[in-house]
Amino acid sequence: MPGTTPTQMCDIEMETYRRALRGELLKEDEPGLRNLLARGVLVANPFHHGIYVPAPPHYLETQLHASVLRSLTAAVEEFAQIPAFVRELEAEQQRHGQPFSPAASVHLRSVDAVNAETIRTTMGASREILTAQPGFRSTKVLKGALNRHMEPARRGVTVRTIYRASERGNTDQSQWVAEVTAAGAEVRTLSESFPRLILVDRAHAFFEAFDEDGVLIPKTAWYTQDRAVCEVLALYFYTGWERADPWLPDAKDEYTGDTGAEHKTTKLQRTILRSVVAGRGYDQIGKDLGVSERTVSVHLSNLRNALGFKTLPQLTHWWATSPERLLS
C-alpha cells in the first residue's frame, strides 16, 4: 500500500528507499518507486540508469510544504463553497414546491457556524424574529447583534426578545434595549429560567444542544427548518412572552429595587422566595436567574432586614402567609 499522505511511507516504500540509499539498481516497476518519485522523495540519477538518489532534505521539505499547502488551500476553498451549494439546492426545492424533510436538522458545532447561519436567516427575515436570551451578553456581542435586530424591525418585521430580569441592571444591555425598541423591536424580561432560542419566520429555528446526559454543549446549537418543530417552539416562546414584563428603558420597575408604595417585595425577591420554599439552593437559584450566589443572598438579606426579621425561617414563614405571594 502506498503512503496515505505526503509525509507517510508504507513498509514497501521504505524498503525501496533504503535500497536506493545503498546504491542498488532499481527497476522502473520496482514496488513503491513510482510513488516515491512522484512525491519527490527520490530523484533519478541522469548519468546512471536504474540508480536513484534521495532528494536533499531542504528541497524535500520545501516540496512537502508546497504539496500540503496546495491540499489545504483546495480543502478551504471547497469548504467555503458548502453554504452556497446548500442554498442553491434549497432555492431549487422552494421553486419546485418541495417541502423540507422533517429530519432536516443540523448540529452547528462552532460559534462561527452558529453566527453565520443566524445572521443569514435573521437578516433575510420577512415576518417575524423571536429570540430568548437567558445568559449575559458582552458589549461586543451586543454591538454585533444590534443591527440584526434594528434593520428587520425598521422594515416592519416583528422583532421580540426575552431576557432574564436580572439583566435590567446591566447598563450596556439597557442601552441596547433603548436602541432596538426605538427602531420598533419589543423586549420583555422573565424572572425564571428558560432556554436560548432563535426563531425566524417560523421557518428557521436555532436552539441549545445537549449531550446524552443532558449536559449543555457550549458554543453549539441545533438548526432546523422543520415547520412543525418551529411552530411548537413559537408556541413555547409566546407562553413565556405572555408571562414576561415589558422592558421600557425609561420606565421605573421593580427589578431596580423600587418595590412600589403598596409592595414590600420586588419581583426579583418574590422569584427568589418562591425558589427558596421550593427547596432550591442559592447556587441553583443564581444560575436560573443569571446572577451570582452572593447576589441571591444579598436580596434575601435586604428583604429580611427591611421586614425586621433575623432569620431566613422567619422570612419564609412571613412569605407563606403574605398576600404578596400571589403577586406575579
C-alpha atoms as a PDB file:
ATOM      1  CA  MET A   1       0.000   0.000   0.000  1.00  0.00           C
ATOM      2  CA  PRO A   2       1.401   3.450  -0.865  1.00  0.00           C
ATOM      3  CA  GLY A   3       1.722   6.115   1.835  1.00  0.00           C
ATOM      4  CA  THR A   4      -1.602   7.722   2.651  1.00  0.00           C
ATOM      5  CA  THR A   5      -0.188  11.255   2.977  1.00  0.00           C
ATOM      6  CA  PRO A   6       2.886  13.104   1.611  1.00  0.00           C
ATOM      7  CA  THR A   7       4.599  12.600   4.982  1.00  0.00           C
ATOM      8  CA  GLN A   8       3.978   8.859   5.332  1.00  0.00           C
ATOM      9  CA  MET A   9       5.650   5.837   3.741  1.00  0.00           C
ATOM     10  CA  CYS A  10       4.497   2.234   3.887  1.00  0.00           C
ATOM     11  CA  ASP A  11       6.908  -0.656   4.559  1.00  0.00           C
ATOM     12  CA  ILE A  12       7.406  -1.398   0.841  1.00  0.00           C
ATOM     13  CA  GLU A  13       8.223   2.237   0.050  1.00  0.00           C
ATOM     14  CA  MET A  14      10.640   2.449   2.981  1.00  0.00           C
ATOM     15  CA  GLU A  15      12.468  -0.699   1.836  1.00  0.00           C
ATOM     16  CA  THR A  16      12.777   0.664  -1.721  1.00  0.00           C
ATOM     17  CA  TYR A  17      14.044   3.969  -0.303  1.00  0.00           C
ATOM     18  CA  ARG A  18      16.724   2.122   1.701  1.00  0.00           C
ATOM     19  CA  ARG A  19      17.823   0.137  -1.337  1.00  0.00           C
ATOM     20  CA  ALA A  20      18.249   3.406  -3.226  1.00  0.00           C
ATOM     21  CA  LEU A  21      20.356   4.751  -0.363  1.00  0.00           C
ATOM     22  CA  ARG A  22      22.573   1.646  -0.654  1.00  0.00           C
ATOM     23  CA  GLY A  23      23.103   2.411  -4.354  1.00  0.00           C
ATOM     24  CA  GLU A  24      21.295  -0.706  -5.643  1.00  0.00           C
ATOM     25  CA  LEU A  25      19.905  -0.838  -9.173  1.00  0.00           C
ATOM     26  CA  LEU A  26      16.162  -0.461  -9.183  1.00  0.00           C
ATOM     27  CA  LYS A  27      13.789  -1.497 -11.948  1.00  0.00           C
ATOM     28  CA  GLU A  28      11.252   1.027 -13.221  1.00  0.00           C
ATOM     29  CA  ASP A  29       8.420  -1.161 -11.923  1.00  0.00           C
ATOM     30  CA  GLU A  30      10.019  -1.592  -8.501  1.00  0.00           C
ATOM     31  CA  PRO A  31       7.263  -1.640  -5.798  1.00  0.00           C
ATOM     32  CA  GLY A  32       6.743   1.847  -4.418  1.00  0.00           C
ATOM     33  CA  LEU A  33       9.304   3.505  -6.686  1.00  0.00           C
ATOM     34  CA  ARG A  34       6.806   5.404  -8.827  1.00  0.00           C
ATOM     35  CA  ASN A  35       5.142   6.912  -5.765  1.00  0.00           C
ATOM     36  CA  LEU A  36       8.490   7.940  -4.240  1.00  0.00           C
ATOM     37  CA  LEU A  37       9.450   9.694  -7.473  1.00  0.00           C
ATOM     38  CA  ALA A  38       6.077  11.420  -7.766  1.00  0.00           C
ATOM     39  CA  ARG A  39       6.404  12.805  -4.243  1.00  0.00           C
ATOM     40  CA  GLY A  40       9.982  13.960  -4.801  1.00  0.00           C
ATOM     41  CA  VAL A  41      11.458  11.680  -2.140  1.00  0.00           C
ATOM     42  CA  LEU A  42      13.790  10.063  -4.720  1.00  0.00           C
ATOM     43  CA  VAL A  43      15.315  11.596  -7.845  1.00  0.00           C
ATOM     44  CA  ALA A  44      16.644   9.627 -10.850  1.00  0.00           C
ATOM     45  CA  ASN A  45      20.395   9.837 -11.489  1.00  0.00           C
ATOM     46  CA  PRO A  46      20.604  11.112 -15.096  1.00  0.00           C
ATOM     47  CA  PHE A  47      24.034   9.551 -15.602  1.00  0.00           C
ATOM     48  CA  HIS A  48      23.309   6.046 -14.304  1.00  0.00           C
ATOM     49  CA  HIS A  49      20.157   4.293 -15.436  1.00  0.00           C
ATOM     50  CA  GLY A  50      18.460   2.484 -12.567  1.00  0.00           C
ATOM     51  CA  ILE A  51      20.209   4.460  -9.872  1.00  0.00           C
ATOM     52  CA  TYR A  52      18.113   6.818  -7.722  1.00  0.00           C
ATOM     53  CA  VAL A  53      19.314   9.309  -5.140  1.00  0.00           C
ATOM     54  CA  PRO A  54      17.460  10.907  -2.208  1.00  0.00           C
ATOM     55  CA  ALA A  55      16.303  14.459  -2.580  1.00  0.00           C
ATOM     56  CA  PRO A  56      18.252  16.976  -0.445  1.00  0.00           C
ATOM     57  CA  PRO A  57      16.437  17.464   2.907  1.00  0.00           C
ATOM     58  CA  HIS A  58      15.847  21.193   2.446  1.00  0.00           C
ATOM     59  CA  TYR A  59      14.489  20.637  -1.076  1.00  0.00           C
ATOM     60  CA  LEU A  60      12.243  17.779   0.092  1.00  0.00           C
ATOM     61  CA  GLU A  61      10.915  19.846   2.988  1.00  0.00           C
ATOM     62  CA  THR A  62      10.087  22.728   0.640  1.00  0.00           C
ATOM     63  CA  GLN A  63       8.299  20.385  -1.756  1.00  0.00           C
ATOM     64  CA  LEU A  64       6.278  18.752   1.007  1.00  0.00           C
ATOM     65  CA  HIS A  65       5.280  22.130   2.420  1.00  0.00           C
ATOM     66  CA  ALA A  66       4.081  23.217  -1.010  1.00  0.00           C
ATOM     67  CA  SER A  67       2.175  19.967  -1.543  1.00  0.00           C
ATOM     68  CA  VAL A  68       0.383  20.111   1.802  1.00  0.00           C
ATOM     69  CA  LEU A  69      -0.365  23.820   1.365  1.00  0.00           C
ATOM     70  CA  ARG A  70      -1.972  23.128  -2.018  1.00  0.00           C
ATOM     71  CA  SER A  71      -4.141  20.452  -0.414  1.00  0.00           C
ATOM     72  CA  LEU A  72      -5.139  22.766   2.442  1.00  0.00           C
ATOM     73  CA  THR A  73      -5.971  25.608   0.064  1.00  0.00           C
ATOM     74  CA  ALA A  74      -8.138  23.331  -2.047  1.00  0.00           C
ATOM     75  CA  ALA A  75      -9.903  21.991   1.067  1.00  0.00           C
ATOM     76  CA  VAL A  76     -10.591  25.507   2.424  1.00  0.00           C
ATOM     77  CA  GLU A  77     -11.970  26.644  -0.933  1.00  0.00           C
ATOM     78  CA  GLU A  78     -14.186  23.571  -1.095  1.00  0.00           C
ATOM     79  CA  PHE A  79     -15.338  24.126   2.489  1.00  0.00           C
ATOM     80  CA  ALA A  80     -16.258  27.741   1.708  1.00  0.00           C
ATOM     81  CA  GLN A  81     -18.473  26.577  -1.170  1.00  0.00           C
ATOM     82  CA  ILE A  82     -20.660  24.379   1.051  1.00  0.00           C
ATOM     83  CA  PRO A  83     -23.140  27.093   2.224  1.00  0.00           C
ATOM     84  CA  ALA A  84     -23.642  28.398  -1.326  1.00  0.00           C
ATOM     85  CA  PHE A  85     -24.145  24.865  -2.634  1.00  0.00           C
ATOM     86  CA  VAL A  86     -26.732  24.084   0.047  1.00  0.00           C
ATOM     87  CA  ARG A  87     -28.519  27.431  -0.504  1.00  0.00           C
ATOM     88  CA  GLU A  88     -28.673  26.709  -4.254  1.00  0.00           C
ATOM     89  CA  LEU A  89     -30.311  23.350  -3.624  1.00  0.00           C
ATOM     90  CA  GLU A  90     -32.624  24.951  -1.054  1.00  0.00           C
ATOM     91  CA  ALA A  91     -33.737  27.543  -3.616  1.00  0.00           C
ATOM     92  CA  GLU A  92     -34.432  24.815  -6.184  1.00  0.00           C
ATOM     93  CA  GLN A  93     -36.507  22.905  -3.633  1.00  0.00           C
ATOM     94  CA  GLN A  94     -38.564  26.017  -2.930  1.00  0.00           C
ATOM     95  CA  ARG A  95     -39.081  26.728  -6.633  1.00  0.00           C
ATOM     96  CA  HIS A  96     -40.459  23.230  -7.111  1.00  0.00           C
ATOM     97  CA  GLY A  97     -42.619  23.328  -4.008  1.00  0.00           C
ATOM     98  CA  GLN A  98     -40.606  20.606  -2.308  1.00  0.00           C
ATOM     99  CA  PRO A  99     -41.141  20.650   1.477  1.00  0.00           C
ATOM    100  CA  PHE A 100     -38.134  20.339   3.726  1.00  0.00           C
ATOM    101  CA  SER A 101     -37.584  16.961   5.291  1.00  0.00           C
ATOM    102  CA  PRO A 102     -38.678  16.704   8.959  1.00  0.00           C
ATOM    103  CA  ALA A 103     -35.204  15.300   9.600  1.00  0.00           C
ATOM    104  CA  ALA A 104     -33.503  18.385   8.172  1.00  0.00           C
ATOM    105  CA  SER A 105     -31.744  19.336  11.413  1.00  0.00           C
ATOM    106  CA  VAL A 106     -28.081  20.265  11.587  1.00  0.00           C
ATOM    107  CA  HIS A 107     -25.814  20.420  14.635  1.00  0.00           C
ATOM    108  CA  LEU A 108     -23.785  23.608  14.245  1.00  0.00           C
ATOM    109  CA  ARG A 109     -20.587  22.778  16.122  1.00  0.00           C
ATOM    110  CA  SER A 110     -18.838  26.136  16.455  1.00  0.00           C
ATOM    111  CA  VAL A 111     -19.588  29.755  17.300  1.00  0.00           C
ATOM    112  CA  ASP A 112     -18.628  30.787  13.752  1.00  0.00           C
ATOM    113  CA  ALA A 113     -21.062  28.283  12.238  1.00  0.00           C
ATOM    114  CA  VAL A 114     -23.882  29.395  14.549  1.00  0.00           C
ATOM    115  CA  ASN A 115     -23.218  33.084  13.837  1.00  0.00           C
ATOM    116  CA  ALA A 116     -23.065  32.553  10.073  1.00  0.00           C
ATOM    117  CA  GLU A 117     -26.453  30.820   9.924  1.00  0.00           C
ATOM    118  CA  THR A 118     -28.243  33.087  12.399  1.00  0.00           C
ATOM    119  CA  ILE A 119     -27.018  36.214  10.603  1.00  0.00           C
ATOM    120  CA  ARG A 120     -28.111  34.808   7.238  1.00  0.00           C
ATOM    121  CA  THR A 121     -31.603  33.922   8.434  1.00  0.00           C
ATOM    122  CA  THR A 122     -32.318  36.947  10.625  1.00  0.00           C
ATOM    123  CA  MET A 123     -31.187  39.464   8.019  1.00  0.00           C
ATOM    124  CA  GLY A 124     -33.417  37.677   5.497  1.00  0.00           C
ATOM    125  CA  ALA A 125     -36.477  37.647   7.778  1.00  0.00           C
ATOM    126  CA  SER A 126     -39.717  38.820   6.209  1.00  0.00           C
ATOM    127  CA  ARG A 127     -42.281  38.453   9.017  1.00  0.00           C
ATOM    128  CA  GLU A 128     -41.023  37.632  12.494  1.00  0.00           C
ATOM    129  CA  ILE A 129     -37.899  37.182  14.637  1.00  0.00           C
ATOM    130  CA  LEU A 130     -38.314  35.705  18.117  1.00  0.00           C
ATOM    131  CA  THR A 131     -35.322  35.337  20.423  1.00  0.00           C
ATOM    132  CA  ALA A 132     -34.898  34.169  24.008  1.00  0.00           C
ATOM    133  CA  GLN A 133     -31.524  35.100  25.522  1.00  0.00           C
ATOM    134  CA  PRO A 134     -31.108  33.752  29.074  1.00  0.00           C
ATOM    135  CA  GLY A 135     -27.404  34.488  29.520  1.00  0.00           C
ATOM    136  CA  PHE A 136     -25.165  37.507  29.977  1.00  0.00           C
ATOM    137  CA  ARG A 137     -24.114  39.129  26.692  1.00  0.00           C
ATOM    138  CA  SER A 138     -20.877  41.079  26.466  1.00  0.00           C
ATOM    139  CA  THR A 139     -20.656  44.568  24.985  1.00  0.00           C
ATOM    140  CA  LYS A 140     -19.011  43.106  21.863  1.00  0.00           C
ATOM    141  CA  VAL A 141     -21.815  40.582  21.363  1.00  0.00           C
ATOM    142  CA  LEU A 142     -24.482  43.241  21.913  1.00  0.00           C
ATOM    143  CA  LYS A 143     -22.917  45.527  19.297  1.00  0.00           C
ATOM    144  CA  GLY A 144     -22.731  42.648  16.836  1.00  0.00           C
ATOM    145  CA  ALA A 145     -26.400  41.787  17.354  1.00  0.00           C
ATOM    146  CA  LEU A 146     -27.683  45.371  17.256  1.00  0.00           C
ATOM    147  CA  ASN A 147     -28.136  45.739  13.507  1.00  0.00           C
ATOM    148  CA  ARG A 148     -29.586  42.212  13.210  1.00  0.00           C
ATOM    149  CA  HIS A 149     -32.480  43.432  15.362  1.00  0.00           C
ATOM    150  CA  MET A 150     -32.800  47.037  14.216  1.00  0.00           C
ATOM    151  CA  GLU A 151     -32.677  46.513  10.437  1.00  0.00           C
ATOM    152  CA  PRO A 152     -35.531  43.969  10.277  1.00  0.00           C
ATOM    153  CA  ALA A 153     -37.591  45.982  12.794  1.00  0.00           C
ATOM    154  CA  ARG A 154     -37.277  49.081  10.619  1.00  0.00           C
ATOM    155  CA  ARG A 155     -38.519  47.023   7.658  1.00  0.00           C
ATOM    156  CA  GLY A 156     -41.678  46.166   9.589  1.00  0.00           C
ATOM    157  CA  VAL A 157     -40.610  42.706  10.754  1.00  0.00           C
ATOM    158  CA  THR A 158     -41.962  41.760  14.195  1.00  0.00           C
ATOM    159  CA  VAL A 159     -38.879  41.507  16.439  1.00  0.00           C
ATOM    160  CA  ARG A 160     -39.379  40.249  20.002  1.00  0.00           C
ATOM    161  CA  THR A 161     -36.725  39.304  22.571  1.00  0.00           C
ATOM    162  CA  ILE A 162     -36.923  37.852  26.081  1.00  0.00           C
ATOM    163  CA  TYR A 163     -34.111  38.460  28.589  1.00  0.00           C
ATOM    164  CA  ARG A 164     -33.666  37.473  32.203  1.00  0.00           C
ATOM    165  CA  ALA A 165     -34.969  40.028  34.665  1.00  0.00           C
ATOM    166  CA  SER A 166     -31.513  40.322  36.220  1.00  0.00           C
ATOM    167  CA  GLU A 167     -30.226  41.962  33.010  1.00  0.00           C
ATOM    168  CA  ARG A 168     -32.234  45.107  33.775  1.00  0.00           C
ATOM    169  CA  GLY A 169     -29.344  46.228  35.968  1.00  0.00           C
ATOM    170  CA  ASN A 170     -26.850  45.880  33.092  1.00  0.00           C
ATOM    171  CA  THR A 171     -26.076  49.361  31.732  1.00  0.00           C
ATOM    172  CA  ASP A 172     -24.860  48.125  28.328  1.00  0.00           C
ATOM    173  CA  GLN A 173     -27.895  45.886  27.979  1.00  0.00           C
ATOM    174  CA  SER A 174     -30.232  48.751  28.897  1.00  0.00           C
ATOM    175  CA  GLN A 175     -28.658  50.937  26.205  1.00  0.00           C
ATOM    176  CA  TRP A 176     -29.069  48.112  23.691  1.00  0.00           C
ATOM    177  CA  VAL A 177     -32.744  47.791  24.607  1.00  0.00           C
ATOM    178  CA  ALA A 178     -33.246  51.532  24.211  1.00  0.00           C
ATOM    179  CA  GLU A 179     -31.835  51.436  20.677  1.00  0.00           C
ATOM    180  CA  VAL A 180     -33.718  48.385  19.423  1.00  0.00           C
ATOM    181  CA  THR A 181     -37.047  49.486  20.908  1.00  0.00           C
ATOM    182  CA  ALA A 182     -36.608  52.894  19.264  1.00  0.00           C
ATOM    183  CA  ALA A 183     -36.334  51.003  15.958  1.00  0.00           C
ATOM    184  CA  GLY A 184     -39.602  49.175  16.627  1.00  0.00           C
ATOM    185  CA  ALA A 185     -38.481  45.973  18.367  1.00  0.00           C
ATOM    186  CA  GLU A 186     -40.050  44.723  21.599  1.00  0.00           C
ATOM    187  CA  VAL A 187     -38.184  43.429  24.658  1.00  0.00           C
ATOM    188  CA  ARG A 188     -39.504  41.714  27.779  1.00  0.00           C
ATOM    189  CA  THR A 189     -37.930  40.006  30.781  1.00  0.00           C
ATOM    190  CA  LEU A 190     -38.666  36.843  32.755  1.00  0.00           C
ATOM    191  CA  SER A 191     -37.570  36.221  36.322  1.00  0.00           C
ATOM    192  CA  GLU A 192     -37.427  32.456  35.724  1.00  0.00           C
ATOM    193  CA  SER A 193     -35.058  30.219  33.793  1.00  0.00           C
ATOM    194  CA  PHE A 194     -35.630  29.469  30.101  1.00  0.00           C
ATOM    195  CA  PRO A 195     -33.549  28.036  27.232  1.00  0.00           C
ATOM    196  CA  ARG A 196     -31.820  30.011  24.494  1.00  0.00           C
ATOM    197  CA  LEU A 197     -33.851  30.164  21.291  1.00  0.00           C
ATOM    198  CA  ILE A 198     -33.955  31.991  17.945  1.00  0.00           C
ATOM    199  CA  LEU A 199     -36.917  31.652  15.563  1.00  0.00           C
ATOM    200  CA  VAL A 200     -37.151  33.311  12.151  1.00  0.00           C
ATOM    201  CA  ASP A 201     -40.407  33.419  10.168  1.00  0.00           C
ATOM    202  CA  ARG A 202     -41.456  30.146  11.852  1.00  0.00           C
ATOM    203  CA  ALA A 203     -39.264  28.500   9.215  1.00  0.00           C
ATOM    204  CA  HIS A 204     -35.825  28.553  10.874  1.00  0.00           C
ATOM    205  CA  ALA A 205     -35.102  27.613  14.476  1.00  0.00           C
ATOM    206  CA  PHE A 206     -31.878  27.613  16.497  1.00  0.00           C
ATOM    207  CA  PHE A 207     -31.868  26.040  19.943  1.00  0.00           C
ATOM    208  CA  GLU A 208     -29.439  24.679  22.509  1.00  0.00           C
ATOM    209  CA  ALA A 209     -27.734  21.301  22.120  1.00  0.00           C
ATOM    210  CA  PHE A 210     -27.289  18.800  24.960  1.00  0.00           C
ATOM    211  CA  ASP A 211     -25.326  15.578  25.245  1.00  0.00           C
ATOM    212  CA  GLU A 212     -26.788  12.192  26.178  1.00  0.00           C
ATOM    213  CA  ASP A 213     -26.518  13.029  29.875  1.00  0.00           C
ATOM    214  CA  GLY A 214     -28.482  16.236  29.453  1.00  0.00           C
ATOM    215  CA  VAL A 215     -25.420  18.475  29.839  1.00  0.00           C
ATOM    216  CA  LEU A 216     -25.388  21.621  27.703  1.00  0.00           C
ATOM    217  CA  ILE A 217     -22.836  21.528  24.878  1.00  0.00           C
ATOM    218  CA  PRO A 218     -21.373  25.064  24.863  1.00  0.00           C
ATOM    219  CA  LYS A 219     -20.804  27.135  21.730  1.00  0.00           C
ATOM    220  CA  THR A 220     -23.020  24.885  19.581  1.00  0.00           C
ATOM    221  CA  ALA A 221     -26.661  24.832  18.528  1.00  0.00           C
ATOM    222  CA  TRP A 222     -29.208  22.778  16.633  1.00  0.00           C
ATOM    223  CA  TYR A 223     -30.604  24.353  13.476  1.00  0.00           C
ATOM    224  CA  THR A 224     -33.789  23.071  11.911  1.00  0.00           C
ATOM    225  CA  GLN A 225     -36.157  24.085   9.144  1.00  0.00           C
ATOM    226  CA  ASP A 226     -38.840  21.620  10.196  1.00  0.00           C
ATOM    227  CA  ARG A 227     -42.031  23.708  10.140  1.00  0.00           C
ATOM    228  CA  ALA A 228     -43.751  21.574  12.782  1.00  0.00           C
ATOM    229  CA  VAL A 229     -40.854  21.979  15.206  1.00  0.00           C
ATOM    230  CA  CYS A 230     -40.729  25.720  14.507  1.00  0.00           C
ATOM    231  CA  GLU A 231     -44.444  26.097  15.265  1.00  0.00           C
ATOM    232  CA  VAL A 232     -44.102  24.234  18.572  1.00  0.00           C
ATOM    233  CA  LEU A 233     -41.097  26.355  19.572  1.00  0.00           C
ATOM    234  CA  ALA A 234     -43.025  29.526  18.671  1.00  0.00           C
ATOM    235  CA  LEU A 235     -45.877  28.386  20.913  1.00  0.00           C
ATOM    236  CA  TYR A 236     -43.374  27.783  23.707  1.00  0.00           C
ATOM    237  CA  PHE A 237     -41.828  31.234  23.154  1.00  0.00           C
ATOM    238  CA  TYR A 238     -45.184  33.005  23.380  1.00  0.00           C
ATOM    239  CA  THR A 239     -46.062  31.112  26.558  1.00  0.00           C
ATOM    240  CA  GLY A 240     -43.064  32.821  28.157  1.00  0.00           C
ATOM    241  CA  TRP A 241     -43.718  36.103  26.355  1.00  0.00           C
ATOM    242  CA  GLU A 242     -47.179  36.400  27.903  1.00  0.00           C
ATOM    243  CA  ARG A 243     -45.715  35.899  31.402  1.00  0.00           C
ATOM    244  CA  ALA A 244     -42.852  38.326  30.792  1.00  0.00           C
ATOM    245  CA  ASP A 245     -42.766  42.013  31.695  1.00  0.00           C
ATOM    246  CA  PRO A 246     -42.168  44.743  29.086  1.00  0.00           C
ATOM    247  CA  TRP A 247     -38.732  46.339  29.289  1.00  0.00           C
ATOM    248  CA  LEU A 248     -39.229  50.027  28.643  1.00  0.00           C
ATOM    249  CA  PRO A 249     -35.822  51.710  29.102  1.00  0.00           C
ATOM    250  CA  ASP A 250     -37.174  54.954  30.581  1.00  0.00           C
ATOM    251  CA  ALA A 251     -39.677  53.343  32.947  1.00  0.00           C
ATOM    252  CA  LYS A 252     -39.124  52.595  36.631  1.00  0.00           C
ATOM    253  CA  ASP A 253     -39.651  48.965  37.575  1.00  0.00           C
ATOM    254  CA  GLU A 254     -39.396  46.607  40.488  1.00  0.00           C
ATOM    255  CA  TYR A 255     -36.202  44.983  39.270  1.00  0.00           C
ATOM    256  CA  THR A 256     -34.169  48.071  40.094  1.00  0.00           C
ATOM    257  CA  GLY A 257     -35.209  47.897  43.740  1.00  0.00           C
ATOM    258  CA  ASP A 258     -38.276  50.125  43.587  1.00  0.00           C
ATOM    259  CA  THR A 259     -40.902  47.973  45.284  1.00  0.00           C
ATOM    260  CA  GLY A 260     -43.719  50.426  44.901  1.00  0.00           C
ATOM    261  CA  ALA A 261     -45.605  52.019  47.798  1.00  0.00           C
ATOM    262  CA  GLU A 262     -48.041  49.115  48.111  1.00  0.00           C
ATOM    263  CA  HIS A 263     -45.495  46.261  47.979  1.00  0.00           C
ATOM    264  CA  LYS A 264     -42.839  45.114  50.432  1.00  0.00           C
ATOM    265  CA  THR A 265     -41.052  42.906  47.888  1.00  0.00           C
ATOM    266  CA  THR A 266     -39.637  43.383  44.413  1.00  0.00           C
ATOM    267  CA  LYS A 267     -40.487  40.988  41.595  1.00  0.00           C
ATOM    268  CA  LEU A 268     -36.976  39.538  41.742  1.00  0.00           C
ATOM    269  CA  GLN A 269     -37.237  38.980  45.506  1.00  0.00           C
ATOM    270  CA  ARG A 270     -40.553  37.193  45.037  1.00  0.00           C
ATOM    271  CA  THR A 271     -39.000  34.935  42.433  1.00  0.00           C
ATOM    272  CA  ILE A 272     -36.124  34.102  44.787  1.00  0.00           C
ATOM    273  CA  LEU A 273     -38.511  33.379  47.675  1.00  0.00           C
ATOM    274  CA  ARG A 274     -40.557  31.004  45.544  1.00  0.00           C
ATOM    275  CA  SER A 275     -37.382  29.116  44.664  1.00  0.00           C
ATOM    276  CA  VAL A 276     -36.278  29.009  48.315  1.00  0.00           C
ATOM    277  CA  VAL A 277     -39.540  27.466  49.520  1.00  0.00           C
ATOM    278  CA  ALA A 278     -39.315  25.013  46.616  1.00  0.00           C
ATOM    279  CA  GLY A 279     -36.060  23.764  48.163  1.00  0.00           C
ATOM    280  CA  ARG A 280     -33.582  25.158  45.655  1.00  0.00           C
ATOM    281  CA  GLY A 281     -30.120  26.204  46.846  1.00  0.00           C
ATOM    282  CA  TYR A 282     -28.712  29.705  46.399  1.00  0.00           C
ATOM    283  CA  ASP A 283     -26.256  28.463  43.761  1.00  0.00           C
ATOM    284  CA  GLN A 284     -29.007  26.929  41.614  1.00  0.00           C
ATOM    285  CA  ILE A 285     -31.270  29.957  42.050  1.00  0.00           C
ATOM    286  CA  GLY A 286     -28.397  32.163  40.916  1.00  0.00           C
ATOM    287  CA  LYS A 287     -27.831  30.033  37.808  1.00  0.00           C
ATOM    288  CA  ASP A 288     -31.532  30.132  36.951  1.00  0.00           C
ATOM    289  CA  LEU A 289     -31.664  33.916  37.271  1.00  0.00           C
ATOM    290  CA  GLY A 290     -28.278  34.680  35.752  1.00  0.00           C
ATOM    291  CA  VAL A 291     -26.872  36.222  38.927  1.00  0.00           C
ATOM    292  CA  SER A 292     -24.277  35.149  41.478  1.00  0.00           C
ATOM    293  CA  GLU A 293     -25.000  33.127  44.593  1.00  0.00           C
ATOM    294  CA  ARG A 294     -23.944  36.153  46.645  1.00  0.00           C
ATOM    295  CA  THR A 295     -26.490  38.354  44.839  1.00  0.00           C
ATOM    296  CA  VAL A 296     -29.268  35.941  45.813  1.00  0.00           C
ATOM    297  CA  SER A 297     -28.116  36.074  49.438  1.00  0.00           C
ATOM    298  CA  VAL A 298     -27.941  39.891  49.394  1.00  0.00           C
ATOM    299  CA  HIS A 299     -31.508  40.202  48.050  1.00  0.00           C
ATOM    300  CA  LEU A 300     -32.820  37.953  50.819  1.00  0.00           C
ATOM    301  CA  SER A 301     -30.792  39.758  53.494  1.00  0.00           C
ATOM    302  CA  ASN A 302     -32.045  43.162  52.330  1.00  0.00           C
ATOM    303  CA  LEU A 303     -35.654  41.981  52.460  1.00  0.00           C
ATOM    304  CA  ARG A 304     -35.180  40.310  55.854  1.00  0.00           C
ATOM    305  CA  ASN A 305     -33.688  43.496  57.317  1.00  0.00           C
ATOM    306  CA  ALA A 306     -36.419  45.651  55.782  1.00  0.00           C
ATOM    307  CA  LEU A 307     -39.082  43.482  57.437  1.00  0.00           C
ATOM    308  CA  GLY A 308     -37.260  43.336  60.769  1.00  0.00           C
ATOM    309  CA  PHE A 309     -36.553  39.598  60.716  1.00  0.00           C
ATOM    310  CA  LYS A 310     -33.351  37.985  61.966  1.00  0.00           C
ATOM    311  CA  THR A 311     -33.508  34.592  60.265  1.00  0.00           C
ATOM    312  CA  LEU A 312     -34.457  33.081  56.912  1.00  0.00           C
ATOM    313  CA  PRO A 313     -37.100  30.791  58.503  1.00  0.00           C
ATOM    314  CA  GLN A 314     -38.832  33.905  59.860  1.00  0.00           C
ATOM    315  CA  LEU A 315     -38.818  35.406  56.368  1.00  0.00           C
ATOM    316  CA  THR A 316     -40.166  32.272  54.685  1.00  0.00           C
ATOM    317  CA  HIS A 317     -42.908  31.958  57.342  1.00  0.00           C
ATOM    318  CA  TRP A 318     -43.945  35.537  56.620  1.00  0.00           C
ATOM    319  CA  TRP A 319     -43.907  34.806  52.897  1.00  0.00           C
ATOM    320  CA  ALA A 320     -46.106  31.725  53.319  1.00  0.00           C
ATOM    321  CA  THR A 321     -48.890  33.847  54.825  1.00  0.00           C
ATOM    322  CA  SER A 322     -48.338  37.115  52.932  1.00  0.00           C
ATOM    323  CA  PRO A 323     -50.718  38.262  50.197  1.00  0.00           C
ATOM    324  CA  GLU A 324     -47.616  39.225  48.184  1.00  0.00           C
ATOM    325  CA  ARG A 325     -47.022  35.555  47.353  1.00  0.00           C
ATOM    326  CA  LEU A 326     -49.967  35.915  44.957  1.00  0.00           C
ATOM    327  CA  LEU A 327     -48.284  38.726  43.027  1.00  0.00           C
ATOM    328  CA  SER A 328     -46.511  37.962  39.748  1.00  0.00           C
END
